[in-house]
Amino acid sequence: APRNEPVHASLTARSMPASVKLTKVELDRALSYLEAVGTSDFFPDPFEIAALRHSWDKVRPVLENIDLLSHEPKPAMEIVAPKHNYTVRVIALLDPVDLLLYTALTFRLAPAIQAKRDTFQTNRVFSWRFNAGGLPDQLLASNWEGQKQTLASAVTKFPALATADIADFFSHIYLHRLQNAVAAITRDDLACRAVMRLLEGWSHGTSYGIPVGPGVS
């Protein structure tokens, strides 16, 4: 009989449905990050973030039990905002609880993504990067000064220098391609599926676009 116990346990584990749940540490880090940098680059912070902190010991256990593979995010509040050169863009204000889950789940995947970038993009990409050991307000940071220094150096080496921007980049990201790329890098298919479930819930039934505004986007 004892010899059959490991086999029985293995079969039981295989028969259990897949799920993705956040840990205490992941939720703590996500809330601290939102408190430090805010919930959006465009909207004032909603009062719910302070309310979550006030009742965090009661709220966090509930959030730990949410299965993100079946969680239905609330629709985002959206407005059209002006952009440069007479263009506009749609910016989103996410439900505070959904934003917290989105942030924590993205931070789970971020170390592997950043490690991949570091292997071949040194001194070439200066956009937002993930610093796992940083303080809450330093978990994500861009190197704007580094970009300016690199451009200044390039000007001295070449007779001409061109800059370009991708128009409406966030709204045109193809979610299936994003999922495949992140899954290949992180090797965490379930977490990627959970992130895509959130993003698809905010994309109005299409396969394109991630919300503009949240830092983790």
Protein backbone atom coordinates (compact mmCIF):
# COMPACT_ATOMS: atom_id res chain seq x y z
CA ALA A 1 0.00 0.00 0.00
CA PRO A 2 2.71 2.56 0.82
CA ARG A 3 4.24 2.06 -2.60
CA ASN A 4 1.00 3.16 -4.25
CA GLU A 5 0.72 6.45 -2.36
CA PRO A 6 3.13 8.51 -4.54
CA VAL A 7 1.39 7.28 -7.69
CA HIS A 8 -2.01 8.17 -6.25
CA ALA A 9 -0.74 11.64 -5.26
CA SER A 10 0.68 12.17 -8.73
CA LEU A 11 -2.59 11.21 -10.41
CA THR A 12 -4.52 13.49 -8.07
CA ALA A 13 -2.22 16.40 -8.90
CA ARG A 14 -2.64 15.80 -12.63
CA SER A 15 -6.42 15.72 -12.35
CA MET A 16 -6.60 19.07 -10.55
CA PRO A 17 -7.66 21.97 -12.82
CA ALA A 18 -5.02 24.56 -13.62
CA SER A 19 -5.15 27.84 -11.73
CA VAL A 20 -3.10 31.01 -11.30
CA LYS A 21 -3.15 32.73 -7.91
CA LEU A 22 -1.02 35.53 -6.56
CA THR A 23 1.11 35.26 -3.45
CA LYS A 24 1.17 37.51 -0.41
CA VAL A 25 4.57 38.89 -1.45
CA GLU A 26 3.41 39.65 -5.00
CA LEU A 27 0.29 41.46 -3.81
CA ASP A 28 2.25 43.44 -1.19
CA ARG A 29 4.74 44.60 -3.81
CA ALA A 30 2.02 45.58 -6.27
CA LEU A 31 0.15 47.68 -3.71
CA SER A 32 3.36 49.38 -2.56
CA TYR A 33 4.22 50.19 -6.17
CA LEU A 34 0.80 51.73 -6.86
CA GLU A 35 1.01 53.78 -3.68
CA ALA A 36 4.47 55.04 -4.66
CA VAL A 37 3.93 55.96 -8.33
CA GLY A 38 0.15 56.18 -8.72
CA THR A 39 -2.39 54.23 -10.71
CA SER A 40 -2.16 56.11 -14.01
CA ASP A 41 -0.03 58.61 -15.89
CA PHE A 42 -3.14 60.61 -16.75
CA PHE A 43 -5.80 60.24 -14.03
CA PRO A 44 -5.72 61.29 -10.37
CA ASP A 45 -5.40 58.37 -7.98
CA PRO A 46 -8.74 56.86 -6.91
CA PHE A 47 -9.51 56.68 -3.21
CA GLU A 48 -9.74 52.87 -3.37
CA ILE A 49 -5.95 52.46 -3.16
CA ALA A 50 -5.90 54.08 0.28
CA ALA A 51 -8.97 52.05 1.23
CA LEU A 52 -7.21 48.83 0.21
CA ARG A 53 -4.24 49.71 2.39
CA HIS A 54 -6.51 50.57 5.32
CA SER A 55 -8.12 47.10 5.22
CA TRP A 56 -5.19 45.23 3.64
CA ASP A 57 -5.03 42.46 6.25
CA LYS A 58 -8.64 41.57 5.42
CA VAL A 59 -8.53 42.21 1.67
CA ARG A 60 -5.27 40.47 0.78
CA PRO A 61 -6.41 36.93 1.77
CA VAL A 62 -9.43 37.38 -0.50
CA LEU A 63 -7.22 38.46 -3.40
CA GLU A 64 -4.88 35.52 -2.80
CA ASN A 65 -7.79 33.16 -3.49
CA ILE A 66 -8.75 34.67 -6.86
CA ASP A 67 -8.07 32.33 -9.76
CA LEU A 68 -6.86 34.65 -12.49
CA LEU A 69 -7.57 32.08 -15.19
CA SER A 70 -11.30 32.55 -14.57
CA HIS A 71 -11.38 36.12 -13.22
CA GLU A 72 -13.50 38.56 -15.24
CA PRO A 73 -12.05 42.10 -15.07
CA LYS A 74 -14.40 45.05 -14.88
CA PRO A 75 -14.58 47.27 -17.99
CA ALA A 76 -12.07 50.11 -18.03
CA MET A 77 -13.16 53.74 -17.91
CA GLU A 78 -11.81 55.38 -21.07
CA ILE A 79 -11.45 58.92 -22.39
CA VAL A 80 -9.93 60.37 -25.53
CA ALA A 81 -6.97 62.61 -24.76
CA PRO A 82 -4.93 64.91 -27.04
CA LYS A 83 -1.50 63.83 -28.19
CA HIS A 84 1.24 65.70 -30.02
CA ASN A 85 0.84 66.85 -33.64
CA TYR A 86 -2.96 67.20 -33.44
CA THR A 87 -3.58 63.50 -32.80
CA VAL A 88 -5.49 61.80 -29.99
CA ARG A 89 -5.28 58.55 -28.03
CA VAL A 90 -7.57 56.54 -25.77
CA ILE A 91 -6.39 56.29 -22.17
CA ALA A 92 -7.80 53.88 -19.61
CA LEU A 93 -8.55 54.00 -15.91
CA LEU A 94 -8.76 50.44 -14.64
CA ASP A 95 -10.76 49.22 -11.68
CA PRO A 96 -8.34 49.53 -8.71
CA VAL A 97 -8.59 45.85 -7.73
CA ASP A 98 -8.09 44.71 -11.32
CA LEU A 99 -5.15 47.09 -11.65
CA LEU A 100 -3.61 45.60 -8.51
CA LEU A 101 -3.97 42.08 -9.92
CA TYR A 102 -2.61 43.19 -13.32
CA THR A 103 0.40 44.83 -11.67
CA ALA A 104 1.23 41.88 -9.44
CA LEU A 105 0.92 39.38 -12.27
CA THR A 106 3.06 41.47 -14.62
CA PHE A 107 5.74 41.76 -11.95
CA ARG A 108 5.78 37.95 -11.74
CA LEU A 109 6.76 37.79 -15.42
CA ALA A 110 8.99 40.88 -15.45
CA PRO A 111 12.30 39.36 -14.17
CA ALA A 112 12.51 36.85 -17.03
CA ILE A 113 11.61 39.51 -19.61
CA GLN A 114 14.22 41.89 -18.26
CA ALA A 115 16.89 39.18 -18.16
CA LYS A 116 16.24 38.46 -21.84
CA ARG A 117 16.52 42.13 -22.74
CA ASP A 118 19.79 42.49 -20.83
CA THR A 119 21.49 39.83 -22.94
CA PHE A 120 21.44 41.80 -26.19
CA GLN A 121 20.09 45.33 -25.71
CA THR A 122 22.72 46.99 -23.54
CA ASN A 123 23.17 50.65 -24.55
CA ARG A 124 20.54 50.25 -27.27
CA VAL A 125 17.17 50.36 -25.48
CA PHE A 126 16.46 53.01 -22.84
CA SER A 127 12.74 52.55 -22.27
CA TRP A 128 11.12 51.26 -19.09
CA ARG A 129 13.04 48.50 -17.34
CA PHE A 130 12.28 46.29 -14.35
CA ASN A 131 14.50 46.47 -11.26
CA ALA A 132 13.55 43.57 -9.00
CA GLY A 133 15.62 44.80 -6.07
CA GLY A 134 14.50 48.41 -6.23
CA LEU A 135 12.32 50.38 -3.87
CA PRO A 136 8.61 50.53 -4.79
CA ASP A 137 9.03 53.74 -6.80
CA GLN A 138 12.08 52.30 -8.59
CA LEU A 139 10.72 48.93 -9.68
CA LEU A 140 10.10 50.38 -13.14
CA ALA A 141 12.31 53.14 -14.51
CA SER A 142 13.41 54.52 -17.86
CA ASN A 143 16.87 55.84 -18.71
CA TRP A 144 16.00 59.09 -20.44
CA GLU A 145 19.37 60.65 -19.61
CA GLY A 146 21.17 57.64 -21.05
CA GLN A 147 19.27 58.01 -24.30
CA LYS A 148 20.14 61.69 -24.59
CA GLN A 149 23.83 60.97 -23.96
CA THR A 150 23.87 58.22 -26.56
CA LEU A 151 22.22 60.46 -29.16
CA ALA A 152 24.67 63.27 -28.38
CA SER A 153 27.55 60.86 -28.90
CA ALA A 154 26.08 59.54 -32.15
CA VAL A 155 25.79 63.07 -33.55
CA THR A 156 29.56 63.42 -33.42
CA LYS A 157 30.10 60.20 -35.41
CA PHE A 158 27.56 60.51 -38.23
CA PRO A 159 26.63 63.34 -40.64
CA ALA A 160 22.90 62.88 -39.96
CA LEU A 161 20.71 61.35 -37.27
CA ALA A 162 17.03 60.43 -37.62
CA THR A 163 14.48 59.69 -34.90
CA ALA A 164 11.13 57.95 -35.30
CA ASP A 165 8.12 56.93 -33.25
CA ILE A 166 5.53 54.17 -33.66
CA ALA A 167 2.10 55.76 -33.92
CA ASP A 168 -0.50 54.35 -31.49
CA PHE A 169 1.83 51.52 -30.50
CA PHE A 170 -0.10 50.32 -27.42
CA SER A 171 -3.43 50.13 -29.22
CA HIS A 172 -1.97 48.08 -32.11
CA ILE A 173 -0.15 45.41 -30.11
CA TYR A 174 -1.41 42.02 -31.30
CA LEU A 175 -2.28 40.09 -28.15
CA HIS A 176 -1.71 36.59 -29.56
CA ARG A 177 1.80 37.52 -30.67
CA LEU A 178 2.42 39.17 -27.31
CA GLN A 179 1.31 36.03 -25.48
CA ASN A 180 3.54 33.78 -27.59
CA ALA A 181 6.56 36.02 -27.10
CA VAL A 182 6.16 36.39 -23.33
CA ALA A 183 5.43 32.68 -22.88
CA ALA A 184 8.56 31.76 -24.83
CA ILE A 185 10.70 34.03 -22.66
CA THR A 186 9.20 33.29 -19.24
CA ARG A 187 8.19 29.64 -19.78
CA ASP A 188 5.13 30.37 -17.63
CA ASP A 189 2.22 29.58 -19.94
CA LEU A 190 -0.43 29.78 -17.22
CA ALA A 191 0.62 33.23 -16.00
CA CYS A 192 0.72 34.44 -19.60
CA ARG A 193 -2.80 33.11 -20.17
CA ALA A 194 -3.95 34.93 -17.04
CA VAL A 195 -2.45 38.23 -18.23
CA MET A 196 -4.03 37.81 -21.65
CA ARG A 197 -7.42 37.19 -20.03
CA LEU A 198 -7.17 40.59 -18.35
CA LEU A 199 -5.98 42.35 -21.50
CA GLU A 200 -8.66 40.75 -23.65
CA GLY A 201 -11.25 41.87 -21.12
CA TRP A 202 -10.18 45.47 -21.70
CA SER A 203 -9.80 45.24 -25.49
CA HIS A 204 -13.55 45.27 -26.33
CA GLY A 205 -13.56 41.78 -27.79
CA THR A 206 -10.68 42.37 -30.20
CA SER A 207 -7.21 40.82 -30.22
CA TYR A 208 -5.39 44.14 -30.13
CA GLY A 209 -4.30 46.66 -27.56
CA ILE A 210 -3.12 47.05 -23.99
CA PRO A 211 -4.39 49.83 -21.69
CA VAL A 212 -2.60 53.18 -21.87
CA GLY A 213 -1.96 54.73 -18.46
CA PRO A 214 -0.92 52.00 -15.99
CA GLY A 215 2.84 51.88 -15.40
CA VAL A 216 3.09 48.12 -15.91
CA SER A 217 1.68 48.40 -19.43
